[in-house]
Amino acid sequence: MTDTIFIRELKTEAIIGVFDWERKVRQTVSFDFEFPGDIRHAAKTDHIDDTLDYKKVAKHVLGFVEASEFQLVETLAERVAELVLREFALEWVKLVLSKPGALRGSRDVGVSIQRTRADFGL
């Protein structure tokens, strides 16, 4: 059995895009995450050290994304997945990266990926 810990709509601003104007203006990006975990031990101890500290995950992701300047959402998603797997020794991560307002007539565009430690040689 694998429980899932999640973060929904983690939003921040980043330089992201291929057009000249996108290289000069910070745009909103939003992440949804799912992480593996067996929460039974944490539920028994009621202690943060016995579970994934999603506040620490969010802080690492936000710091990385805000400092990044990738052209493609695909690249940003891949790098964030690697960061989370490396920093928190998770076996896998699912993430959805959305870029609201990127395409006229749509709410948002983006990518959805699932990566494992093995995908990055970790």
PDB file of N, CA and C in Angstrom:
ATOM      1  N   MET A   1       0.845  -1.180   0.000  1.00  0.00           N
ATOM      2  CA  MET A   1       0.000   0.000   0.000  1.00  0.00           C
ATOM      3  C   MET A   1       0.890   1.243   0.000  1.00  0.00           C
ATOM      4  N   THR A   2       0.562   2.195  -0.830  1.00  0.00           N
ATOM      5  CA  THR A   2       1.276   3.462  -0.845  1.00  0.00           C
ATOM      6  C   THR A   2       0.276   4.584  -0.686  1.00  0.00           C
ATOM      7  N   ASP A   3       0.482   5.357   0.346  1.00  0.00           N
ATOM      8  CA  ASP A   3      -0.318   6.558   0.524  1.00  0.00           C
ATOM      9  C   ASP A   3       0.282   7.657  -0.343  1.00  0.00           C
ATOM     10  N   THR A   4      -0.461   8.712  -0.526  1.00  0.00           N
ATOM     11  CA  THR A   4       0.004   9.821  -1.345  1.00  0.00           C
ATOM     12  C   THR A   4      -0.104  11.116  -0.565  1.00  0.00           C
ATOM     13  N   ILE A   5       0.963  11.875  -0.579  1.00  0.00           N
ATOM     14  CA  ILE A   5       0.987  13.223  -0.028  1.00  0.00           C
ATOM     15  C   ILE A   5       0.957  14.161  -1.219  1.00  0.00           C
ATOM     16  N   PHE A   6       0.164  15.225  -1.142  1.00  0.00           N
ATOM     17  CA  PHE A   6       0.060  16.097  -2.308  1.00  0.00           C
ATOM     18  C   PHE A   6       0.123  17.574  -1.940  1.00  0.00           C
ATOM     19  N   ILE A   7       0.471  18.362  -2.941  1.00  0.00           N
ATOM     20  CA  ILE A   7       0.429  19.832  -2.893  1.00  0.00           C
ATOM     21  C   ILE A   7      -0.337  20.242  -4.142  1.00  0.00           C
ATOM     22  N   ARG A   8      -1.309  21.112  -3.982  1.00  0.00           N
ATOM     23  CA  ARG A   8      -2.102  21.583  -5.118  1.00  0.00           C
ATOM     24  C   ARG A   8      -1.924  23.097  -5.301  1.00  0.00           C
ATOM     25  N   GLU A   9      -1.797  23.490  -6.556  1.00  0.00           N
ATOM     26  CA  GLU A   9      -1.735  24.895  -6.968  1.00  0.00           C
ATOM     27  C   GLU A   9      -0.682  25.710  -6.221  1.00  0.00           C
ATOM     28  N   LEU A  10       0.534  25.186  -6.178  1.00  0.00           N
ATOM     29  CA  LEU A  10       1.665  25.931  -5.642  1.00  0.00           C
ATOM     30  C   LEU A  10       2.070  26.925  -6.728  1.00  0.00           C
ATOM     31  N   LYS A  11       1.838  28.208  -6.465  1.00  0.00           N
ATOM     32  CA  LYS A  11       2.045  29.235  -7.493  1.00  0.00           C
ATOM     33  C   LYS A  11       3.237  30.117  -7.180  1.00  0.00           C
ATOM     34  N   THR A  12       3.903  30.530  -8.240  1.00  0.00           N
ATOM     35  CA  THR A  12       4.998  31.483  -8.127  1.00  0.00           C
ATOM     36  C   THR A  12       5.188  32.169  -9.475  1.00  0.00           C
ATOM     37  N   GLU A  13       6.164  33.044  -9.544  1.00  0.00           N
ATOM     38  CA  GLU A  13       6.481  33.792 -10.757  1.00  0.00           C
ATOM     39  C   GLU A  13       7.859  33.370 -11.249  1.00  0.00           C
ATOM     40  N   ALA A  14       8.006  33.274 -12.568  1.00  0.00           N
ATOM     41  CA  ALA A  14       9.293  32.871 -13.143  1.00  0.00           C
ATOM     42  C   ALA A  14       9.460  33.461 -14.539  1.00  0.00           C
ATOM     43  N   ILE A  15      10.713  33.547 -14.955  1.00  0.00           N
ATOM     44  CA  ILE A  15      11.007  33.844 -16.356  1.00  0.00           C
ATOM     45  C   ILE A  15      10.856  32.514 -17.084  1.00  0.00           C
ATOM     46  N   ILE A  16       9.887  32.437 -17.981  1.00  0.00           N
ATOM     47  CA  ILE A  16       9.624  31.192 -18.705  1.00  0.00           C
ATOM     48  C   ILE A  16       9.012  31.534 -20.056  1.00  0.00           C
ATOM     49  N   GLY A  17       9.570  31.002 -21.123  1.00  0.00           N
ATOM     50  CA  GLY A  17       9.009  31.246 -22.447  1.00  0.00           C
ATOM     51  C   GLY A  17      10.069  31.427 -23.502  1.00  0.00           C
ATOM     52  N   VAL A  18       9.627  31.355 -24.750  1.00  0.00           N
ATOM     53  CA  VAL A  18      10.551  31.431 -25.886  1.00  0.00           C
ATOM     54  C   VAL A  18      10.538  32.788 -26.584  1.00  0.00           C
ATOM     55  N   PHE A  19       9.518  33.574 -26.362  1.00  0.00           N
ATOM     56  CA  PHE A  19       9.423  34.869 -27.041  1.00  0.00           C
ATOM     57  C   PHE A  19      10.216  35.936 -26.280  1.00  0.00           C
ATOM     58  N   ASP A  20      10.696  36.940 -27.023  1.00  0.00           N
ATOM     59  CA  ASP A  20      11.509  37.995 -26.416  1.00  0.00           C
ATOM     60  C   ASP A  20      10.824  38.635 -25.220  1.00  0.00           C
ATOM     61  N   TRP A  21       9.526  38.929 -25.335  1.00  0.00           N
ATOM     62  CA  TRP A  21       8.831  39.593 -24.227  1.00  0.00           C
ATOM     63  C   TRP A  21       8.754  38.686 -22.999  1.00  0.00           C
ATOM     64  N   GLU A  22       8.727  37.361 -23.215  1.00  0.00           N
ATOM     65  CA  GLU A  22       8.661  36.422 -22.093  1.00  0.00           C
ATOM     66  C   GLU A  22       9.982  36.347 -21.332  1.00  0.00           C
ATOM     67  N   ARG A  23      11.068  36.740 -21.975  1.00  0.00           N
ATOM     68  CA  ARG A  23      12.371  36.717 -21.338  1.00  0.00           C
ATOM     69  C   ARG A  23      12.573  37.928 -20.437  1.00  0.00           C
ATOM     70  N   LYS A  24      11.618  38.889 -20.492  1.00  0.00           N
ATOM     71  CA  LYS A  24      11.730  40.136 -19.720  1.00  0.00           C
ATOM     72  C   LYS A  24      10.688  40.263 -18.624  1.00  0.00           C
ATOM     73  N   VAL A  25       9.659  39.425 -18.651  1.00  0.00           N
ATOM     74  CA  VAL A  25       8.524  39.558 -17.736  1.00  0.00           C
ATOM     75  C   VAL A  25       8.336  38.254 -16.968  1.00  0.00           C
ATOM     76  N   ARG A  26       8.214  38.362 -15.658  1.00  0.00           N
ATOM     77  CA  ARG A  26       7.938  37.177 -14.851  1.00  0.00           C
ATOM     78  C   ARG A  26       6.481  36.776 -15.057  1.00  0.00           C
ATOM     79  N   GLN A  27       6.258  35.475 -15.245  1.00  0.00           N
ATOM     80  CA  GLN A  27       4.918  34.952 -15.470  1.00  0.00           C
ATOM     81  C   GLN A  27       4.564  33.945 -14.373  1.00  0.00           C
ATOM     82  N   THR A  28       3.294  33.812 -14.122  1.00  0.00           N
ATOM     83  CA  THR A  28       2.823  32.856 -13.124  1.00  0.00           C
ATOM     84  C   THR A  28       2.939  31.435 -13.649  1.00  0.00           C
ATOM     85  N   VAL A  29       3.441  30.565 -12.798  1.00  0.00           N
ATOM     86  CA  VAL A  29       3.414  29.132 -13.049  1.00  0.00           C
ATOM     87  C   VAL A  29       2.810  28.477 -11.806  1.00  0.00           C
ATOM     88  N   SER A  30       2.162  27.353 -12.021  1.00  0.00           N
ATOM     89  CA  SER A  30       1.479  26.663 -10.934  1.00  0.00           C
ATOM     90  C   SER A  30       1.818  25.177 -10.994  1.00  0.00           C
ATOM     91  N   PHE A  31       2.038  24.584  -9.819  1.00  0.00           N
ATOM     92  CA  PHE A  31       2.397  23.170  -9.724  1.00  0.00           C
ATOM     93  C   PHE A  31       1.389  22.407  -8.885  1.00  0.00           C
ATOM     94  N   ASP A  32       1.096  21.198  -9.310  1.00  0.00           N
ATOM     95  CA  ASP A  32       0.416  20.185  -8.495  1.00  0.00           C
ATOM     96  C   ASP A  32       1.412  19.038  -8.354  1.00  0.00           C
ATOM     97  N   PHE A  33       1.558  18.542  -7.139  1.00  0.00           N
ATOM     98  CA  PHE A  33       2.493  17.453  -6.868  1.00  0.00           C
ATOM     99  C   PHE A  33       1.783  16.290  -6.189  1.00  0.00           C
ATOM    100  N   GLU A  34       2.282  15.092  -6.454  1.00  0.00           N
ATOM    101  CA  GLU A  34       1.938  13.903  -5.687  1.00  0.00           C
ATOM    102  C   GLU A  34       3.240  13.201  -5.351  1.00  0.00           C
ATOM    103  N   PHE A  35       3.362  12.785  -4.083  1.00  0.00           N
ATOM    104  CA  PHE A  35       4.554  12.108  -3.588  1.00  0.00           C
ATOM    105  C   PHE A  35       4.145  10.809  -2.907  1.00  0.00           C
ATOM    106  N   PRO A  36       5.000   9.772  -2.975  1.00  0.00           N
ATOM    107  CA  PRO A  36       4.682   8.524  -2.286  1.00  0.00           C
ATOM    108  C   PRO A  36       4.961   8.647  -0.795  1.00  0.00           C
ATOM    109  N   GLY A  37       4.246   7.870  -0.028  1.00  0.00           N
ATOM    110  CA  GLY A  37       4.534   7.839   1.397  1.00  0.00           C
ATOM    111  C   GLY A  37       3.588   6.917   2.126  1.00  0.00           C
ATOM    112  N   ASP A  38       4.110   6.295   3.136  1.00  0.00           N
ATOM    113  CA  ASP A  38       3.291   5.497   4.041  1.00  0.00           C
ATOM    114  C   ASP A  38       3.122   6.344   5.293  1.00  0.00           C
ATOM    115  N   ILE A  39       1.953   6.910   5.487  1.00  0.00           N
ATOM    116  CA  ILE A  39       1.759   7.884   6.566  1.00  0.00           C
ATOM    117  C   ILE A  39       1.417   7.249   7.909  1.00  0.00           C
ATOM    118  N   ARG A  40       1.338   5.936   7.977  1.00  0.00           N
ATOM    119  CA  ARG A  40       0.903   5.276   9.209  1.00  0.00           C
ATOM    120  C   ARG A  40       1.803   5.590  10.404  1.00  0.00           C
ATOM    121  N   HIS A  41       3.120   5.564  10.208  1.00  0.00           N
ATOM    122  CA  HIS A  41       4.025   5.846  11.329  1.00  0.00           C
ATOM    123  C   HIS A  41       3.862   7.291  11.809  1.00  0.00           C
ATOM    124  N   ALA A  42       3.798   8.216  10.873  1.00  0.00           N
ATOM    125  CA  ALA A  42       3.597   9.627  11.241  1.00  0.00           C
ATOM    126  C   ALA A  42       2.268   9.820  11.963  1.00  0.00           C
ATOM    127  N   ALA A  43       1.256   9.102  11.523  1.00  0.00           N
ATOM    128  CA  ALA A  43      -0.050   9.204  12.179  1.00  0.00           C
ATOM    129  C   ALA A  43       0.028   8.721  13.629  1.00  0.00           C
ATOM    130  N   LYS A  44       0.857   7.708  13.878  1.00  0.00           N
ATOM    131  CA  LYS A  44       1.015   7.197  15.244  1.00  0.00           C
ATOM    132  C   LYS A  44       1.798   8.158  16.126  1.00  0.00           C
ATOM    133  N   THR A  45       2.895   8.696  15.569  1.00  0.00           N
ATOM    134  CA  THR A  45       3.768   9.556  16.381  1.00  0.00           C
ATOM    135  C   THR A  45       3.304  11.004  16.415  1.00  0.00           C
ATOM    136  N   ASP A  46       2.554  11.406  15.400  1.00  0.00           N
ATOM    137  CA  ASP A  46       2.098  12.788  15.275  1.00  0.00           C
ATOM    138  C   ASP A  46       3.273  13.765  15.263  1.00  0.00           C
ATOM    139  N   HIS A  47       4.362  13.362  14.569  1.00  0.00           N
ATOM    140  CA  HIS A  47       5.568  14.187  14.531  1.00  0.00           C
ATOM    141  C   HIS A  47       5.999  14.425  13.085  1.00  0.00           C
ATOM    142  N   ILE A  48       6.350  15.654  12.779  1.00  0.00           N
ATOM    143  CA  ILE A  48       6.708  16.070  11.423  1.00  0.00           C
ATOM    144  C   ILE A  48       7.929  15.318  10.879  1.00  0.00           C
ATOM    145  N   ASP A  49       8.836  14.902  11.753  1.00  0.00           N
ATOM    146  CA  ASP A  49      10.028  14.194  11.295  1.00  0.00           C
ATOM    147  C   ASP A  49       9.717  12.813  10.725  1.00  0.00           C
ATOM    148  N   ASP A  50       8.507  12.328  10.945  1.00  0.00           N
ATOM    149  CA  ASP A  50       8.123  11.001  10.490  1.00  0.00           C
ATOM    150  C   ASP A  50       7.300  11.011   9.204  1.00  0.00           C
ATOM    151  N   THR A  51       7.314  12.140   8.511  1.00  0.00           N
ATOM    152  CA  THR A  51       6.582  12.253   7.255  1.00  0.00           C
ATOM    153  C   THR A  51       7.317  13.210   6.325  1.00  0.00           C
ATOM    154  N   LEU A  52       6.840  13.352   5.136  1.00  0.00           N
ATOM    155  CA  LEU A  52       7.395  14.321   4.193  1.00  0.00           C
ATOM    156  C   LEU A  52       6.930  15.708   4.605  1.00  0.00           C
ATOM    157  N   ASP A  53       7.873  16.596   4.857  1.00  0.00           N
ATOM    158  CA  ASP A  53       7.547  17.965   5.247  1.00  0.00           C
ATOM    159  C   ASP A  53       7.256  18.764   3.973  1.00  0.00           C
ATOM    160  N   TYR A  54       5.974  18.863   3.625  1.00  0.00           N
ATOM    161  CA  TYR A  54       5.628  19.516   2.356  1.00  0.00           C
ATOM    162  C   TYR A  54       5.939  21.001   2.354  1.00  0.00           C
ATOM    163  N   LYS A  55       6.093  21.618   3.520  1.00  0.00           N
ATOM    164  CA  LYS A  55       6.511  23.020   3.567  1.00  0.00           C
ATOM    165  C   LYS A  55       7.954  23.150   3.076  1.00  0.00           C
ATOM    166  N   LYS A  56       8.817  22.211   3.471  1.00  0.00           N
ATOM    167  CA  LYS A  56      10.201  22.216   2.992  1.00  0.00           C
ATOM    168  C   LYS A  56      10.261  21.955   1.492  1.00  0.00           C
ATOM    169  N   VAL A  57       9.427  21.044   1.017  1.00  0.00           N
ATOM    170  CA  VAL A  57       9.373  20.766  -0.421  1.00  0.00           C
ATOM    171  C   VAL A  57       8.989  22.041  -1.166  1.00  0.00           C
ATOM    172  N   ALA A  58       7.935  22.691  -0.716  1.00  0.00           N
ATOM    173  CA  ALA A  58       7.457  23.914  -1.373  1.00  0.00           C
ATOM    174  C   ALA A  58       8.535  24.990  -1.370  1.00  0.00           C
ATOM    175  N   LYS A  59       9.218  25.154  -0.263  1.00  0.00           N
ATOM    176  CA  LYS A  59      10.264  26.182  -0.159  1.00  0.00           C
ATOM    177  C   LYS A  59      11.393  25.910  -1.157  1.00  0.00           C
ATOM    178  N   HIS A  60      11.826  24.664  -1.269  1.00  0.00           N
ATOM    179  CA  HIS A  60      12.874  24.314  -2.231  1.00  0.00           C
ATOM    180  C   HIS A  60      12.416  24.567  -3.665  1.00  0.00           C
ATOM    181  N   VAL A  61      11.207  24.130  -3.978  1.00  0.00           N
ATOM    182  CA  VAL A  61      10.684  24.298  -5.330  1.00  0.00           C
ATOM    183  C   VAL A  61      10.545  25.779  -5.668  1.00  0.00           C
ATOM    184  N   LEU A  62       9.942  26.559  -4.776  1.00  0.00           N
ATOM    185  CA  LEU A  62       9.744  27.986  -5.040  1.00  0.00           C
ATOM    186  C   LEU A  62      11.076  28.705  -5.245  1.00  0.00           C
ATOM    187  N   GLY A  63      12.061  28.423  -4.416  1.00  0.00           N
ATOM    188  CA  GLY A  63      13.375  29.054  -4.568  1.00  0.00           C
ATOM    189  C   GLY A  63      14.011  28.735  -5.905  1.00  0.00           C
ATOM    190  N   PHE A  64      13.921  27.470  -6.309  1.00  0.00           N
ATOM    191  CA  PHE A  64      14.495  27.040  -7.582  1.00  0.00           C
ATOM    192  C   PHE A  64      13.774  27.692  -8.755  1.00  0.00           C
ATOM    193  N   VAL A  65      12.455  27.633  -8.750  1.00  0.00           N
ATOM    194  CA  VAL A  65      11.667  28.145  -9.874  1.00  0.00           C
ATOM    195  C   VAL A  65      11.833  29.657 -10.011  1.00  0.00           C
ATOM    196  N   GLU A  66      11.802  30.365  -8.912  1.00  0.00           N
ATOM    197  CA  GLU A  66      11.922  31.826  -8.962  1.00  0.00           C
ATOM    198  C   GLU A  66      13.285  32.274  -9.485  1.00  0.00           C
ATOM    199  N   ALA A  67      14.318  31.453  -9.313  1.00  0.00           N
ATOM    200  CA  ALA A  67      15.661  31.775  -9.802  1.00  0.00           C
ATOM    201  C   ALA A  67      15.909  31.261 -11.218  1.00  0.00           C
ATOM    202  N   SER A  68      15.001  30.464 -11.743  1.00  0.00           N
ATOM    203  CA  SER A  68      15.207  29.838 -13.055  1.00  0.00           C
ATOM    204  C   SER A  68      14.845  30.783 -14.197  1.00  0.00           C
ATOM    205  N   GLU A  69      15.350  30.444 -15.383  1.00  0.00           N
ATOM    206  CA  GLU A  69      15.032  31.207 -16.595  1.00  0.00           C
ATOM    207  C   GLU A  69      14.980  30.270 -17.793  1.00  0.00           C
ATOM    208  N   PHE A  70      14.201  29.213 -17.702  1.00  0.00           N
ATOM    209  CA  PHE A  70      14.088  28.249 -18.796  1.00  0.00           C
ATOM    210  C   PHE A  70      13.167  28.783 -19.888  1.00  0.00           C
ATOM    211  N   GLN A  71      13.327  28.262 -21.083  1.00  0.00           N
ATOM    212  CA  GLN A  71      12.445  28.623 -22.178  1.00  0.00           C
ATOM    213  C   GLN A  71      11.185  27.765 -22.183  1.00  0.00           C
ATOM    214  N   LEU A  72      11.341  26.464 -21.905  1.00  0.00           N
ATOM    215  CA  LEU A  72      10.234  25.527 -22.037  1.00  0.00           C
ATOM    216  C   LEU A  72       9.698  25.064 -20.687  1.00  0.00           C
ATOM    217  N   VAL A  73       8.374  24.903 -20.601  1.00  0.00           N
ATOM    218  CA  VAL A  73       7.784  24.337 -19.387  1.00  0.00           C
ATOM    219  C   VAL A  73       8.244  22.888 -19.231  1.00  0.00           C
ATOM    220  N   GLU A  74       8.530  22.218 -20.326  1.00  0.00           N
ATOM    221  CA  GLU A  74       9.024  20.849 -20.262  1.00  0.00           C
ATOM    222  C   GLU A  74      10.340  20.776 -19.483  1.00  0.00           C
ATOM    223  N   THR A  75      11.241  21.706 -19.765  1.00  0.00           N
ATOM    224  CA  THR A  75      12.531  21.737 -19.073  1.00  0.00           C
ATOM    225  C   THR A  75      12.344  22.054 -17.597  1.00  0.00           C
ATOM    226  N   LEU A  76      11.520  23.046 -17.309  1.00  0.00           N
ATOM    227  CA  LEU A  76      11.273  23.418 -15.912  1.00  0.00           C
ATOM    228  C   LEU A  76      10.674  22.241 -15.143  1.00  0.00           C
ATOM    229  N   ALA A  77       9.712  21.556 -15.710  1.00  0.00           N
ATOM    230  CA  ALA A  77       9.089  20.414 -15.036  1.00  0.00           C
ATOM    231  C   ALA A  77      10.124  19.320 -14.758  1.00  0.00           C
ATOM    232  N   GLU A  78      10.940  19.020 -15.737  1.00  0.00           N
ATOM    233  CA  GLU A  78      11.955  17.973 -15.584  1.00  0.00           C
ATOM    234  C   GLU A  78      12.943  18.327 -14.475  1.00  0.00           C
ATOM    235  N   ARG A  79      13.397  19.564 -14.450  1.00  0.00           N
ATOM    236  CA  ARG A  79      14.372  19.996 -13.441  1.00  0.00           C
ATOM    237  C   ARG A  79      13.757  20.015 -12.037  1.00  0.00           C
ATOM    238  N   VAL A  80      12.509  20.411 -11.928  1.00  0.00           N
ATOM    239  CA  VAL A  80      11.837  20.410 -10.622  1.00  0.00           C
ATOM    240  C   VAL A  80      11.654  18.974 -10.134  1.00  0.00           C
ATOM    241  N   ALA A  81      11.278  18.070 -11.010  1.00  0.00           N
ATOM    242  CA  ALA A  81      11.137  16.665 -10.619  1.00  0.00           C
ATOM    243  C   ALA A  81      12.466  16.127 -10.101  1.00  0.00           C
ATOM    244  N   GLU A  82      13.551  16.419 -10.804  1.00  0.00           N
ATOM    245  CA  GLU A  82      14.872  15.957 -10.361  1.00  0.00           C
ATOM    246  C   GLU A  82      15.247  16.557  -9.011  1.00  0.00           C
ATOM    247  N   LEU A  83      14.986  17.837  -8.825  1.00  0.00           N
ATOM    248  CA  LEU A  83      15.275  18.510  -7.557  1.00  0.00           C
ATOM    249  C   LEU A  83      14.557  17.835  -6.392  1.00  0.00           C
ATOM    250  N   VAL A  84      13.272  17.589  -6.559  1.00  0.00           N
ATOM    251  CA  VAL A  84      12.467  16.997  -5.483  1.00  0.00           C
ATOM    252  C   VAL A  84      12.952  15.580  -5.167  1.00  0.00           C
ATOM    253  N   LEU A  85      13.223  14.794  -6.190  1.00  0.00           N
ATOM    254  CA  LEU A  85      13.683  13.432  -5.963  1.00  0.00           C
ATOM    255  C   LEU A  85      15.048  13.393  -5.293  1.00  0.00           C
ATOM    256  N   ARG A  86      15.920  14.292  -5.697  1.00  0.00           N
ATOM    257  CA  ARG A  86      17.272  14.347  -5.133  1.00  0.00           C
ATOM    258  C   ARG A  86      17.254  14.852  -3.686  1.00  0.00           C
ATOM    259  N   GLU A  87      16.573  15.949  -3.448  1.00  0.00           N
ATOM    260  CA  GLU A  87      16.598  16.595  -2.128  1.00  0.00           C
ATOM    261  C   GLU A  87      15.829  15.836  -1.054  1.00  0.00           C
ATOM    262  N   PHE A  88      14.802  15.111  -1.447  1.00  0.00           N
ATOM    263  CA  PHE A  88      13.935  14.481  -0.453  1.00  0.00           C
ATOM    264  C   PHE A  88      13.932  12.955  -0.535  1.00  0.00           C
ATOM    265  N   ALA A  89      14.833  12.396  -1.348  1.00  0.00           N
ATOM    266  CA  ALA A  89      15.022  10.947  -1.442  1.00  0.00           C
ATOM    267  C   ALA A  89      13.708  10.188  -1.642  1.00  0.00           C
ATOM    268  N   LEU A  90      12.832  10.748  -2.447  1.00  0.00           N
ATOM    269  CA  LEU A  90      11.567  10.087  -2.771  1.00  0.00           C
ATOM    270  C   LEU A  90      11.789   9.091  -3.897  1.00  0.00           C
ATOM    271  N   GLU A  91      10.950   8.075  -3.983  1.00  0.00           N
ATOM    272  CA  GLU A  91      11.067   7.089  -5.044  1.00  0.00           C
ATOM    273  C   GLU A  91      10.486   7.591  -6.364  1.00  0.00           C
ATOM    274  N   TRP A  92       9.435   8.418  -6.284  1.00  0.00           N
ATOM    275  CA  TRP A  92       8.817   8.957  -7.490  1.00  0.00           C
ATOM    276  C   TRP A  92       8.113  10.277  -7.156  1.00  0.00           C
ATOM    277  N   VAL A  93       7.820  11.000  -8.190  1.00  0.00           N
ATOM    278  CA  VAL A  93       7.030  12.222  -8.074  1.00  0.00           C
ATOM    279  C   VAL A  93       6.158  12.338  -9.318  1.00  0.00           C
ATOM    280  N   LYS A  94       4.935  12.774  -9.120  1.00  0.00           N
ATOM    281  CA  LYS A  94       4.063  13.172 -10.225  1.00  0.00           C
ATOM    282  C   LYS A  94       3.900  14.675 -10.091  1.00  0.00           C
ATOM    283  N   LEU A  95       4.005  15.361 -11.209  1.00  0.00           N
ATOM    284  CA  LEU A  95       3.768  16.799 -11.143  1.00  0.00           C
ATOM    285  C   LEU A  95       3.065  17.290 -12.388  1.00  0.00           C
ATOM    286  N   VAL A  96       2.257  18.299 -12.187  1.00  0.00           N
ATOM    287  CA  VAL A  96       1.604  19.021 -13.267  1.00  0.00           C
ATOM    288  C   VAL A  96       2.101  20.452 -13.167  1.00  0.00           C
ATOM    289  N   LEU A  97       2.647  20.950 -14.248  1.00  0.00           N
ATOM    290  CA  LEU A  97       3.105  22.334 -14.324  1.00  0.00           C
ATOM    291  C   LEU A  97       2.184  23.070 -15.284  1.00  0.00           C
ATOM    292  N   SER A  98       1.527  24.103 -14.788  1.00  0.00           N
ATOM    293  CA  SER A  98       0.607  24.906 -15.598  1.00  0.00           C
ATOM    294  C   SER A  98       1.153  26.307 -15.768  1.00  0.00           C
ATOM    295  N   LYS A  99       0.905  26.854 -16.942  1.00  0.00           N
ATOM    296  CA  LYS A  99       1.277  28.237 -17.242  1.00  0.00           C
ATOM    297  C   LYS A  99      -0.007  28.958 -17.655  1.00  0.00           C
ATOM    298  N   PRO A 100      -0.690  29.552 -16.667  1.00  0.00           N
ATOM    299  CA  PRO A 100      -1.971  30.220 -16.951  1.00  0.00           C
ATOM    300  C   PRO A 100      -1.808  31.385 -17.930  1.00  0.00           C
ATOM    301  N   GLY A 101      -2.778  31.521 -18.812  1.00  0.00           N
ATOM    302  CA  GLY A 101      -2.794  32.658 -19.730  1.00  0.00           C
ATOM    303  C   GLY A 101      -1.811  32.564 -20.877  1.00  0.00           C
ATOM    304  N   ALA A 102      -1.162  31.432 -21.051  1.00  0.00           N
ATOM    305  CA  ALA A 102      -0.149  31.310 -22.102  1.00  0.00           C
ATOM    306  C   ALA A 102      -0.742  31.193 -23.497  1.00  0.00           C
ATOM    307  N   LEU A 103      -1.994  30.777 -23.569  1.00  0.00           N
ATOM    308  CA  LEU A 103      -2.633  30.571 -24.861  1.00  0.00           C
ATOM    309  C   LEU A 103      -4.010  31.209 -24.833  1.00  0.00           C
ATOM    310  N   ARG A 104      -4.220  32.155 -25.718  1.00  0.00           N
ATOM    311  CA  ARG A 104      -5.512  32.825 -25.781  1.00  0.00           C
ATOM    312  C   ARG A 104      -6.628  31.808 -25.984  1.00  0.00           C
ATOM    313  N   GLY A 105      -7.662  31.941 -25.205  1.00  0.00           N
ATOM    314  CA  GLY A 105      -8.803  31.055 -25.309  1.00  0.00           C
ATOM    315  C   GLY A 105      -8.735  29.843 -24.395  1.00  0.00           C
ATOM    316  N   SER A 106      -7.622  29.703 -23.660  1.00  0.00           N
ATOM    317  CA  SER A 106      -7.520  28.577 -22.725  1.00  0.00           C
ATOM    318  C   SER A 106      -7.189  29.103 -21.336  1.00  0.00           C
ATOM    319  N   ARG A 107      -7.580  28.340 -20.328  1.00  0.00           N
ATOM    320  CA  ARG A 107      -7.265  28.721 -18.952  1.00  0.00           C
ATOM    321  C   ARG A 107      -5.771  28.630 -18.702  1.00  0.00           C
ATOM    322  N   ASP A 108      -5.169  27.523 -19.147  1.00  0.00           N
ATOM    323  CA  ASP A 108      -3.732  27.351 -18.994  1.00  0.00           C
ATOM    324  C   ASP A 108      -3.227  26.250 -19.915  1.00  0.00           C
ATOM    325  N   VAL A 109      -1.928  26.161 -20.019  1.00  0.00           N
ATOM    326  CA  VAL A 109      -1.258  25.095 -20.754  1.00  0.00           C
ATOM    327  C   VAL A 109      -0.167  24.553 -19.854  1.00  0.00           C
ATOM    328  N   GLY A 110       0.375  23.400 -20.193  1.00  0.00           N
ATOM    329  CA  GLY A 110       1.451  22.869 -19.374  1.00  0.00           C
ATOM    330  C   GLY A 110       1.754  21.427 -19.678  1.00  0.00           C
ATOM    331  N   VAL A 111       2.397  20.777 -18.720  1.00  0.00           N
ATOM    332  CA  VAL A 111       2.784  19.383 -18.855  1.00  0.00           C
ATOM    333  C   VAL A 111       2.475  18.636 -17.575  1.00  0.00           C
ATOM    334  N   SER A 112       2.290  17.344 -17.726  1.00  0.00           N
ATOM    335  CA  SER A 112       2.101  16.443 -16.594  1.00  0.00           C
ATOM    336  C   SER A 112       3.123  15.326 -16.750  1.00  0.00           C
ATOM    337  N   ILE A 113       3.952  15.119 -15.720  1.00  0.00           N
ATOM    338  CA  ILE A 113       4.982  14.090 -15.806  1.00  0.00           C
ATOM    339  C   ILE A 113       5.014  13.255 -14.530  1.00  0.00           C
ATOM    340  N   GLN A 114       5.559  12.059 -14.666  1.00  0.00           N
ATOM    341  CA  GLN A 114       5.874  11.217 -13.517  1.00  0.00           C
ATOM    342  C   GLN A 114       7.296  10.750 -13.713  1.00  0.00           C
ATOM    343  N   ARG A 115       8.129  10.930 -12.687  1.00  0.00           N
ATOM    344  CA  ARG A 115       9.529  10.526 -12.761  1.00  0.00           C
ATOM    345  C   ARG A 115       9.898   9.728 -11.519  1.00  0.00           C
ATOM    346  N   THR A 116      10.899   8.856 -11.702  1.00  0.00           N
ATOM    347  CA  THR A 116      11.429   8.068 -10.592  1.00  0.00           C
ATOM    348  C   THR A 116      12.891   8.454 -10.371  1.00  0.00           C
ATOM    349  N   ARG A 117      13.447   8.009  -9.267  1.00  0.00           N
ATOM    350  CA  ARG A 117      14.871   8.249  -8.987  1.00  0.00           C
ATOM    351  C   ARG A 117      15.727   7.667 -10.104  1.00  0.00           C
ATOM    352  N   ALA A 118      15.353   6.498 -10.607  1.00  0.00           N
ATOM    353  CA  ALA A 118      16.127   5.831 -11.661  1.00  0.00           C
ATOM    354  C   ALA A 118      16.189   6.665 -12.931  1.00  0.00           C
ATOM    355  N   ASP A 119      15.159   7.472 -13.197  1.00  0.00           N
ATOM    356  CA  ASP A 119      15.168   8.312 -14.399  1.00  0.00           C
ATOM    357  C   ASP A 119      16.338   9.303 -14.393  1.00  0.00           C
ATOM    358  N   PHE A 120      16.830   9.629 -13.202  1.00  0.00           N
ATOM    359  CA  PHE A 120      17.918  10.587 -13.078  1.00  0.00           C
ATOM    360  C   PHE A 120      19.202   9.953 -12.559  1.00  0.00           C
ATOM    361  N   GLY A 121      19.224   8.628 -12.507  1.00  0.00           N
ATOM    362  CA  GLY A 121      20.408   7.928 -12.024  1.00  0.00           C
ATOM    363  C   GLY A 121      20.679   8.138 -10.549  1.00  0.00           C
ATOM    364  N   LEU A 122      19.624   8.342  -9.791  1.00  0.00           N
ATOM    365  CA  LEU A 122      19.782   8.594  -8.347  1.00  0.00           C
ATOM    366  C   LEU A 122      19.687   7.311  -7.548  1.00  0.00           C
TER     367      LEU A 122
END
